Protein backbone atom coordinates (compact mmCIF):
# COMPACT_ATOMS: atom_id res chain seq x y z
CA MET A 1 0.00 0.00 0.00
CA THR A 2 1.45 3.37 -0.99
CA ARG A 3 1.60 6.06 1.63
CA ALA A 4 0.37 9.58 0.86
CA ILE A 5 3.18 12.10 0.56
CA GLU A 6 2.82 15.17 2.76
CA ASN A 7 2.33 18.38 0.82
CA PRO A 8 5.54 20.38 1.40
CA LYS A 9 3.61 23.66 1.23
CA ARG A 10 1.57 22.80 4.32
CA ASP A 11 2.59 24.34 7.61
CA PRO A 12 4.07 21.53 9.75
CA GLY A 13 2.69 23.22 12.86
CA ARG A 14 -0.84 23.60 11.53
CA TRP A 15 -2.37 21.14 14.00
CA LEU A 16 -0.95 23.15 16.90
CA VAL A 17 -2.55 26.22 15.32
CA LEU A 18 -5.85 24.30 15.30
CA PHE A 19 -5.38 23.41 18.98
CA ALA A 20 -4.72 27.07 19.81
CA CYS A 21 -7.86 28.17 17.97
CA ILE A 22 -10.00 25.49 19.61
CA THR A 23 -8.75 26.64 23.02
CA ALA A 24 -9.57 30.26 22.16
CA VAL A 25 -13.13 29.54 20.99
CA LEU A 26 -13.72 27.11 23.87
CA MET A 27 -12.88 30.00 26.20
CA VAL A 28 -15.51 32.13 24.45
CA ILE A 29 -18.15 29.38 24.57
CA ILE A 30 -17.66 28.74 28.30
CA ASP A 31 -17.40 32.42 29.14
CA SER A 32 -20.45 33.56 27.16
CA GLY A 33 -22.75 31.08 28.91
CA ILE A 34 -21.15 31.00 32.32
CA LEU A 35 -23.62 33.31 34.08
CA ASN A 36 -26.65 31.29 32.96
CA LEU A 37 -25.43 28.42 35.13
CA VAL A 38 -24.82 30.45 38.30
CA ILE A 39 -27.63 33.03 38.13
CA PRO A 40 -29.47 31.66 41.21
CA SER A 41 -26.32 32.04 43.31
CA ILE A 42 -25.71 35.59 42.06
CA GLN A 43 -29.33 36.58 42.65
CA LYS A 44 -29.15 35.25 46.20
CA ASP A 45 -25.84 37.03 46.86
CA PHE A 46 -26.82 40.42 45.44
CA ASN A 47 -30.63 40.25 45.96
CA THR A 48 -30.96 41.43 42.36
CA PRO A 49 -34.37 42.06 40.69
CA GLU A 50 -35.49 39.82 37.84
CA SER A 51 -35.12 42.54 35.21
CA THR A 52 -31.46 43.02 36.11
CA ILE A 53 -30.86 39.28 36.20
CA GLY A 54 -32.17 38.84 32.67
CA LEU A 55 -29.89 41.53 31.27
CA MET A 56 -26.97 40.24 33.29
CA ALA A 57 -27.36 36.77 31.78
CA SER A 58 -27.76 37.94 28.18
CA ILE A 59 -25.55 41.04 27.83
CA SER A 60 -22.38 39.12 26.97
CA THR A 61 -24.10 37.20 24.16
CA LEU A 62 -25.82 40.37 22.93
CA MET A 63 -22.51 42.20 22.61
CA LEU A 64 -20.88 39.17 20.98
CA GLY A 65 -23.57 39.05 18.31
CA ALA A 66 -23.49 42.81 17.77
CA PHE A 67 -19.75 43.24 17.39
CA THR A 68 -18.73 40.04 15.58
CA LEU A 69 -18.55 41.80 12.20
CA GLY A 70 -16.44 44.57 13.69
CA GLY A 71 -14.09 42.13 15.41
CA GLY A 72 -13.60 40.11 12.26
CA THR A 73 -12.94 43.22 10.17
CA LEU A 74 -10.38 44.65 12.60
CA GLY A 75 -8.46 41.38 12.64
CA ASP A 76 -8.56 41.06 8.86
CA LEU A 77 -7.12 44.55 8.44
CA TYR A 78 -4.63 44.87 11.30
CA GLY A 79 -3.72 41.30 12.24
CA ARG A 80 -5.82 38.33 13.32
CA ARG A 81 -3.46 37.03 15.98
CA ARG A 82 -3.00 40.55 17.37
CA PHE A 83 -6.71 41.02 17.95
CA ILE A 84 -7.21 37.49 19.26
CA LEU A 85 -4.59 38.33 21.88
CA ILE A 86 -6.24 41.68 22.64
CA GLY A 87 -9.63 40.01 22.99
CA THR A 88 -8.23 37.21 25.14
CA GLY A 89 -6.47 39.67 27.43
CA GLY A 90 -9.71 41.63 27.75
CA MET A 91 -11.66 38.49 28.62
CA VAL A 92 -9.14 37.56 31.32
CA ALA A 93 -9.36 41.08 32.76
CA ALA A 94 -13.18 40.92 32.65
CA ALA A 95 -13.14 37.55 34.44
CA ILE A 96 -10.99 39.00 37.22
CA LEU A 97 -13.29 42.02 37.53
CA SER A 98 -16.32 39.70 37.56
CA MET A 99 -14.86 37.85 40.52
CA LEU A 100 -14.50 41.18 42.34
CA ALA A 101 -17.88 42.67 41.31
CA PRO A 102 -19.57 44.37 44.30
CA ASN A 103 -23.13 44.37 42.86
CA GLY A 104 -25.29 43.33 39.93
CA ALA A 105 -25.09 46.66 38.09
CA SER A 106 -21.31 46.54 37.93
CA LEU A 107 -21.45 42.94 36.76
CA ILE A 108 -23.68 43.95 33.83
CA GLY A 109 -21.14 46.52 32.67
CA ILE A 110 -18.24 44.10 33.05
CA ARG A 111 -20.01 41.35 31.13
CA GLY A 112 -20.92 43.80 28.37
CA LEU A 113 -17.26 44.67 27.83
CA ASP A 114 -16.48 40.97 28.01
CA GLY A 115 -18.87 40.30 25.12
CA ILE A 116 -17.06 42.84 22.95
CA CYS A 117 -13.77 41.06 23.68
CA GLU A 118 -15.40 37.73 22.76
CA ALA A 119 -16.34 39.26 19.40
CA LEU A 120 -12.62 39.77 18.71
CA VAL A 121 -11.70 36.18 19.48
CA SER A 122 -14.43 33.95 18.03
CA PRO A 123 -14.56 35.03 14.34
CA LEU A 124 -10.80 35.51 14.08
CA ALA A 125 -9.95 32.10 15.53
CA LEU A 126 -12.23 30.53 12.93
CA ALA A 127 -10.70 32.66 10.16
CA THR A 128 -7.23 31.55 11.27
CA ILE A 129 -8.25 27.91 10.85
CA THR A 130 -9.60 28.47 7.35
CA ILE A 131 -6.40 30.16 6.13
CA THR A 132 -4.10 27.65 7.85
CA PHE A 133 -5.56 24.55 6.17
CA ASP A 134 -5.91 24.03 2.44
CA SER A 135 -9.16 22.97 0.77
CA GLU A 136 -8.30 19.28 1.14
CA GLU A 137 -7.64 19.34 4.88
CA ARG A 138 -10.03 22.12 5.90
CA PRO A 139 -13.15 19.90 6.29
CA LYS A 140 -11.18 17.56 8.55
CA ALA A 141 -9.86 20.45 10.64
CA LEU A 142 -13.35 21.95 10.97
CA GLY A 143 -14.75 18.55 11.90
CA ILE A 144 -12.22 18.27 14.73
CA TYR A 145 -13.00 21.85 15.72
CA GLY A 146 -16.75 21.23 15.92
CA ALA A 147 -16.46 17.89 17.73
CA ALA A 148 -14.00 19.23 20.30
CA LEU A 149 -16.12 22.28 21.11
CA GLY A 150 -19.32 20.24 21.28
CA ILE A 151 -17.92 17.60 23.63
CA ILE A 152 -15.72 19.75 25.86
CA GLY A 153 -18.23 22.61 25.88
CA GLY A 154 -20.91 20.24 27.13
CA LEU A 155 -18.71 18.76 29.86
CA SER A 156 -17.72 22.23 31.03
CA SER A 157 -21.24 22.74 32.41
CA LEU A 158 -20.59 20.02 34.99
CA LEU A 159 -17.31 21.65 36.00
CA ILE A 160 -18.92 25.07 36.34
CA GLN A 161 -21.69 23.68 38.55
CA SER A 162 -19.15 21.81 40.68
CA LEU A 163 -17.06 24.93 41.23
CA ASN A 164 -20.17 26.96 42.04
CA GLN A 165 -21.37 24.47 44.63
CA ALA A 166 -17.96 23.98 46.22
CA TYR A 167 -16.48 27.49 46.16
CA GLY A 168 -19.23 29.92 45.13
CA TRP A 169 -20.16 31.61 41.86
CA ARG A 170 -17.08 33.85 41.76
CA SER A 171 -14.82 30.82 41.43
CA VAL A 172 -16.27 29.81 38.03
CA PHE A 173 -14.44 32.67 36.33
CA THR A 174 -11.13 30.93 37.05
CA LEU A 175 -11.98 28.73 34.03
CA THR A 176 -11.89 31.77 31.73
CA ILE A 177 -8.65 32.96 33.32
CA ALA A 178 -6.97 29.56 32.93
CA LEU A 179 -8.10 29.12 29.32
CA GLY A 180 -7.13 32.70 28.56
CA ILE A 181 -3.59 32.23 29.81
CA LEU A 182 -3.29 28.99 27.83
CA THR A 183 -4.68 30.70 24.70
CA ILE A 184 -2.17 33.55 24.96
CA PHE A 185 0.72 31.09 25.31
CA LEU A 186 -0.42 28.97 22.35
CA MET A 187 -1.09 31.97 20.13
CA VAL A 188 2.28 33.57 20.81
CA ARG A 189 4.17 30.28 20.50
CA PHE A 190 2.52 28.57 17.53
CA VAL A 191 0.32 30.99 15.52
CA GLY A 192 1.75 33.40 12.97
CA GLU A 193 0.28 36.77 12.13
CA SER A 194 -2.06 37.10 9.15
CA LYS A 195 -4.14 39.84 7.58
CA THR A 196 -5.84 40.74 4.31
CA ALA A 197 -4.12 42.47 1.43
CA GLU A 198 -2.94 46.05 1.92
CA GLY A 199 -5.06 48.93 0.67
CA ARG A 200 -8.38 48.10 2.29
CA LYS A 201 -9.73 50.68 4.75
CA LEU A 202 -11.83 50.29 7.87
CA ASP A 203 -15.55 50.90 7.36
CA GLY A 204 -16.14 52.36 10.81
CA ILE A 205 -19.61 53.71 10.03
CA GLY A 206 -20.74 50.36 8.66
CA ILE A 207 -19.41 48.47 11.68
CA LEU A 208 -21.16 50.81 14.13
CA LEU A 209 -24.44 50.65 12.20
CA CYS A 210 -24.29 46.86 12.10
CA ALA A 211 -23.48 46.63 15.82
CA ALA A 212 -26.28 49.02 16.82
CA GLY A 213 -28.83 47.30 14.58
CA LEU A 214 -28.00 43.78 15.69
CA LEU A 215 -27.82 44.77 19.36
CA SER A 216 -31.29 46.34 19.25
CA LEU A 217 -32.79 43.50 17.21
CA ILE A 218 -31.34 40.67 19.30
CA TYR A 219 -32.21 42.48 22.53
CA GLY A 220 -35.82 42.81 21.43
CA ILE A 221 -36.07 39.14 20.50
CA SER A 222 -34.46 38.10 23.79
CA GLN A 223 -37.24 39.90 25.71
CA ALA A 224 -39.98 37.71 24.21
CA SER A 225 -39.90 35.02 26.90
CA GLY A 226 -40.11 37.48 29.78
CA ALA A 227 -42.63 39.77 28.09
CA GLY A 228 -45.13 37.00 27.40
CA GLY A 229 -44.66 36.68 23.65
CA PHE A 230 -43.35 38.47 20.59
CA PHE A 231 -46.31 40.84 20.18
CA GLN A 232 -45.40 43.09 23.09
CA ALA A 233 -44.05 46.64 23.01
CA THR A 234 -40.88 45.63 24.87
CA VAL A 235 -40.14 43.19 22.03
CA LEU A 236 -41.48 44.99 18.97
CA VAL A 237 -40.05 48.47 19.64
CA PRO A 238 -36.34 47.52 19.99
CA ALA A 239 -36.70 44.93 17.22
CA ALA A 240 -38.23 47.52 14.87
CA ILE A 241 -35.51 50.04 15.72
CA GLY A 242 -32.89 47.36 15.06
CA LEU A 243 -34.40 46.50 11.68
CA GLY A 244 -34.48 50.18 10.77
CA ILE A 245 -30.81 50.63 11.65
CA LEU A 246 -29.92 47.50 9.70
CA ALA A 247 -31.76 48.92 6.68
CA VAL A 248 -29.56 52.02 6.93
CA PHE A 249 -26.55 49.72 7.27
CA ILE A 250 -27.46 47.89 4.05
CA TRP A 251 -27.97 51.22 2.27
CA TRP A 252 -24.55 52.42 3.46
CA GLU A 253 -22.78 49.19 2.51
CA SER A 254 -24.21 49.35 -1.01
CA ARG A 255 -22.74 52.81 -1.55
CA THR A 256 -19.42 52.95 0.30
CA ALA A 257 -16.26 52.12 -1.66
CA MET A 258 -14.86 49.62 0.86
CA PRO A 259 -17.75 48.04 2.79
CA ALA A 260 -17.25 45.95 5.92
CA LEU A 261 -19.69 43.42 4.47
CA GLN A 262 -19.85 42.53 0.79
CA LEU A 263 -23.60 42.43 0.11
CA SER A 264 -23.01 40.38 -3.03
CA LEU A 265 -22.20 37.42 -0.76
CA PHE A 266 -25.89 37.12 0.11
CA GLN A 267 -26.61 36.17 -3.49
CA LYS A 268 -24.97 32.83 -2.65
CA PRO A 269 -27.51 30.50 -0.95
CA ALA A 270 -24.79 28.84 1.14
CA PHE A 271 -23.69 32.13 2.66
CA SER A 272 -27.27 33.23 3.36
CA LEU A 273 -28.07 29.91 5.07
CA GLY A 274 -24.91 30.09 7.15
CA THR A 275 -25.76 33.61 8.27
CA LEU A 276 -29.26 32.47 9.28
CA LEU A 277 -27.75 29.73 11.44
CA ILE A 278 -25.53 32.25 13.22
CA LEU A 279 -28.53 34.51 13.90
CA LEU A 280 -30.36 31.52 15.37
CA ARG A 281 -27.34 30.93 17.57
CA SER A 282 -27.62 34.45 18.97
CA GLU A 283 -31.35 34.06 19.59
CA GLU A 284 -31.06 30.78 21.45
CA HIS A 285 -28.10 31.88 23.62
CA THR A 286 -26.62 28.40 23.77
CA SER A 287 -22.94 27.58 23.46
CA GLU A 288 -23.58 24.28 21.71
CA LEU A 289 -25.52 25.94 18.89
CA GLN A 290 -22.80 28.58 18.65
CA SER A 291 -20.10 26.06 17.86
CA HIS A 292 -22.22 23.98 15.48
CA SER A 293 -23.70 26.91 13.56
CA ASP A 294 -20.23 28.36 12.99
CA LEU A 295 -19.05 24.97 11.79
CA VAL A 296 -21.97 24.42 9.43
CA CYS A 297 -21.56 27.92 8.03
CA ARG A 298 -17.91 27.30 7.22
CA LEU A 299 -18.60 23.91 5.68
CA LEU A 300 -21.32 25.39 3.50
CA LEU A 301 -19.03 28.18 2.37
CA GLU A 302 -16.51 25.57 1.32
CA LYS A 303 -19.06 24.24 -1.18
CA LYS A 304 -20.20 27.58 -2.62
């Protein structure tokens, strides 16, 4: 039996790059859903009202969904590894501040900033995988990526609950700190810098419009369960405002010379379906759907 010859153009350290990216996104998955598992303990500790609790649990995911386009664009232009490291450092700092939070209001602000940092890490780690592996190996790498996040992400819930019961809710943020330190080491040691071709400029207006529109839309949808359904003012008003801002965003992207989002991509059914899956991820607020929707989106894009 003949043995396949390794392609000499492939990076010999590419599997360590994959491991680094898996660690980075695993940190995001655990961190973005960590409060949902310890909310009763926080509510008991701070005696926080239900309205504050709901925002506290969802703010990180809201900011992640709103700023993902901006995070991906910044990394593409100025260096993917650089912004993964910035985002990871911010998440570690936010985890430390979360452990020291004196009340629920401060925790909301901290988790909001944490969500913005997550938006720097998640899309850029995935982009790093896609540029590291060629078209032949990329499906295999993404399969490992999805399986690892699905299995380890699921098991992490047991660890978070164990830490909460044994040492209190503040202790669960040590998971983010540990994974953050490991991510920084792996990124610095094994991952090279990458960016898009020179000459492209940052579409700051487009990024801000997209972030504001998505934040308002996702926030409105997230209020449906507490408001008693979708046909309530607390749901419809922010959702309508979000849709209006997104309409302005689309108008702007169709006219600016260097848009943050190429609207022509939506003419491809695979891209449109992948985007829908990511929006469903944001609505459901579950880490498992996050990892699988990202994976399916990338696999579909491979076939476009």
